Amino acid sequence: MKPSWTSWRKIKAVAAPHEILLVADAMTGQEATNVAKGFHDRLGITGVILTKMDGDTRGGAALSIHSVTGAPIKFVGVGEKLAALEPFYPDRLASRILGMGDALTLIEKTRASILKSRHVSCKRSCSNKTSPSRISWNKCASAKTGLDDRSF
């Protein structure tokens, strides 16, 4: 038996949640907007999590849902695991919609990959029985603190 909207309203009244987030599939396009409007009209959503933003979806659903509900997009799902939830950045979505790609996300992922690679390399060199050179120590120190601009 599915709970009715009356049941959901009673739960909302008793639980008094600070947030009511709707999780919507970005690939469904206009249907995601219709679902969001229905939920918002009945329960008053305070935010949206859009899933499947890692594929060909360009983000039209995000614009439509926000336009219809006024609720902000809080997170986007870019994969199948919980760790693939990322904060939503409207400027990045605008670039994606305009076909310019999401350069900032690409830069962040590249930077994280380089840091991880350096960290693994440093762990290997520091675990050797031989005394690491001064250059290796500097490399390890920069890998721990992050990349400086000279790395690119």
Protein backbone atom coordinates (compact mmCIF):
# COMPACT_ATOMS: atom_id res chain seq x y z
CA MET A 1 0.00 0.00 0.00
CA LYS A 2 1.40 3.39 -1.03
CA PRO A 3 1.15 6.22 1.47
CA SER A 4 -1.17 8.99 0.34
CA TRP A 5 -0.30 12.68 0.23
CA THR A 6 -2.33 13.05 3.43
CA SER A 7 0.01 10.56 5.11
CA TRP A 8 3.05 12.49 3.90
CA ARG A 9 1.58 15.76 5.23
CA LYS A 10 0.97 14.12 8.63
CA ILE A 11 4.56 12.85 8.71
CA LYS A 12 5.78 16.35 7.85
CA ALA A 13 3.66 17.87 10.63
CA VAL A 14 4.93 15.42 13.26
CA ALA A 15 8.59 15.32 12.17
CA ALA A 16 8.87 19.09 11.49
CA PRO A 17 11.85 18.64 9.14
CA HIS A 18 14.26 21.48 8.46
CA GLU A 19 14.67 20.34 4.86
CA ILE A 20 12.55 18.42 2.40
CA LEU A 21 14.79 17.39 -0.47
CA LEU A 22 13.48 15.88 -3.68
CA VAL A 23 15.79 13.48 -5.50
CA ALA A 24 15.12 13.73 -9.23
CA ASP A 25 16.59 11.99 -12.27
CA ALA A 26 18.02 14.70 -14.55
CA MET A 27 17.69 12.45 -17.59
CA THR A 28 13.90 12.45 -17.43
CA GLY A 29 13.79 16.10 -18.47
CA GLN A 30 10.30 17.59 -18.42
CA GLU A 31 8.91 14.70 -16.37
CA ALA A 32 11.35 15.58 -13.54
CA THR A 33 9.88 19.09 -13.61
CA ASN A 34 6.33 17.75 -13.38
CA VAL A 35 7.27 15.51 -10.44
CA ALA A 36 9.04 18.39 -8.68
CA LYS A 37 6.03 20.66 -9.13
CA GLY A 38 3.70 17.98 -7.73
CA PHE A 39 5.88 17.40 -4.68
CA HIS A 40 6.39 21.11 -4.11
CA ASP A 41 2.67 21.90 -4.36
CA ARG A 42 1.83 19.19 -1.83
CA LEU A 43 4.79 19.24 0.59
CA GLY A 44 6.82 22.37 -0.09
CA ILE A 45 10.27 21.06 -1.01
CA THR A 46 13.24 23.12 0.16
CA GLY A 47 15.83 21.74 -2.23
CA VAL A 48 16.61 19.28 -4.99
CA ILE A 49 19.26 16.64 -5.60
CA LEU A 50 19.67 15.89 -9.31
CA THR A 51 21.05 12.47 -10.22
CA LYS A 52 22.62 11.21 -13.44
CA MET A 53 24.39 14.47 -14.20
CA ASP A 54 27.48 12.53 -15.31
CA GLY A 55 26.14 11.51 -18.71
CA ASP A 56 24.87 13.47 -21.67
CA THR A 57 22.46 15.46 -19.56
CA ARG A 58 23.18 19.13 -19.97
CA GLY A 59 21.05 20.45 -17.13
CA GLY A 60 17.80 21.67 -18.60
CA ALA A 61 15.94 19.84 -15.83
CA ALA A 62 17.83 21.88 -13.22
CA LEU A 63 16.70 25.15 -14.75
CA SER A 64 13.11 23.96 -15.17
CA ILE A 65 12.80 22.53 -11.66
CA HIS A 66 14.19 25.67 -10.07
CA SER A 67 11.95 27.84 -12.22
CA VAL A 68 8.80 25.91 -11.30
CA THR A 69 9.48 25.35 -7.57
CA GLY A 70 11.86 28.14 -6.59
CA ALA A 71 13.78 25.49 -4.64
CA PRO A 72 17.55 25.51 -5.05
CA ILE A 73 19.47 22.59 -6.54
CA LYS A 74 21.67 21.56 -3.62
CA PHE A 75 23.60 18.56 -4.94
CA VAL A 76 24.18 16.69 -8.18
CA GLY A 77 24.92 13.01 -8.55
CA VAL A 78 27.73 12.26 -10.99
CA GLY A 79 28.06 8.53 -10.37
CA GLU A 80 26.50 5.57 -8.64
CA LYS A 81 28.06 5.85 -5.19
CA LEU A 82 27.35 8.19 -2.31
CA ALA A 83 30.79 9.75 -2.76
CA ALA A 84 29.65 10.83 -6.24
CA LEU A 85 27.31 13.46 -4.77
CA GLU A 86 28.81 16.89 -5.37
CA PRO A 87 27.70 20.37 -4.37
CA PHE A 88 25.82 22.14 -7.12
CA TYR A 89 27.51 25.12 -8.77
CA PRO A 90 25.14 27.11 -11.00
CA ASP A 91 27.94 28.75 -13.01
CA ARG A 92 29.32 25.36 -13.97
CA LEU A 93 25.91 24.20 -15.11
CA ALA A 94 25.53 27.32 -17.22
CA SER A 95 28.83 26.53 -18.97
CA ARG A 96 27.64 22.98 -19.58
CA ILE A 97 24.30 24.12 -21.01
CA LEU A 98 26.08 26.53 -23.33
CA GLY A 99 28.26 23.66 -24.56
CA MET A 100 31.47 25.04 -23.08
CA GLY A 101 32.06 22.07 -20.79
CA ASP A 102 32.83 22.20 -17.11
CA ALA A 103 36.47 23.26 -17.01
CA LEU A 104 36.60 23.91 -13.25
CA THR A 105 35.49 20.39 -12.38
CA LEU A 106 38.01 18.96 -14.87
CA ILE A 107 40.78 21.02 -13.26
CA GLU A 108 39.77 19.93 -9.74
CA LYS A 109 39.69 16.24 -10.73
CA THR A 110 43.06 16.53 -12.48
CA ARG A 111 44.57 18.23 -9.44
CA ALA A 112 43.21 15.53 -7.11
CA SER A 113 44.58 12.79 -9.37
CA ILE A 114 48.05 14.39 -9.43
CA LEU A 115 48.04 14.78 -5.64
CA LYS A 116 47.06 11.14 -5.19
CA SER A 117 49.80 10.02 -7.59
CA ARG A 118 52.39 12.13 -5.77
CA HIS A 119 51.25 10.81 -2.41
CA VAL A 120 51.64 7.19 -3.56
CA SER A 121 55.06 7.98 -5.04
CA CYS A 122 56.18 9.63 -1.82
CA LYS A 123 54.98 6.73 0.30
CA ARG A 124 57.05 4.40 -1.87
CA SER A 125 60.19 6.54 -1.75
CA CYS A 126 59.89 7.19 1.98
CA SER A 127 59.39 3.50 2.75
CA ASN A 128 62.70 2.58 1.07
CA LYS A 129 65.50 1.81 3.51
CA THR A 130 67.83 4.23 1.74
CA SER A 131 67.90 7.84 2.83
CA PRO A 132 65.69 9.88 0.50
CA SER A 133 67.28 12.87 -1.15
CA ARG A 134 66.39 16.43 -0.26
CA ILE A 135 64.42 16.68 -3.50
CA SER A 136 62.28 13.68 -2.50
CA TRP A 137 61.53 15.27 0.86
CA ASN A 138 60.49 18.53 -0.84
CA LYS A 139 58.34 16.58 -3.28
CA CYS A 140 56.65 14.75 -0.39
CA ALA A 141 56.07 17.98 1.50
CA SER A 142 54.42 19.61 -1.53
CA ALA A 143 52.29 16.51 -2.10
CA LYS A 144 50.95 16.77 1.45
CA THR A 145 50.18 20.48 1.29
CA GLY A 146 48.81 20.57 -2.25
CA LEU A 147 49.96 21.72 -5.61
CA ASP A 148 51.51 25.06 -6.18
CA ASP A 149 50.93 26.95 -9.41
CA ARG A 150 54.35 25.96 -10.74
CA SER A 151 53.14 22.36 -11.02
CA PHE A 152 51.27 23.11 -14.26
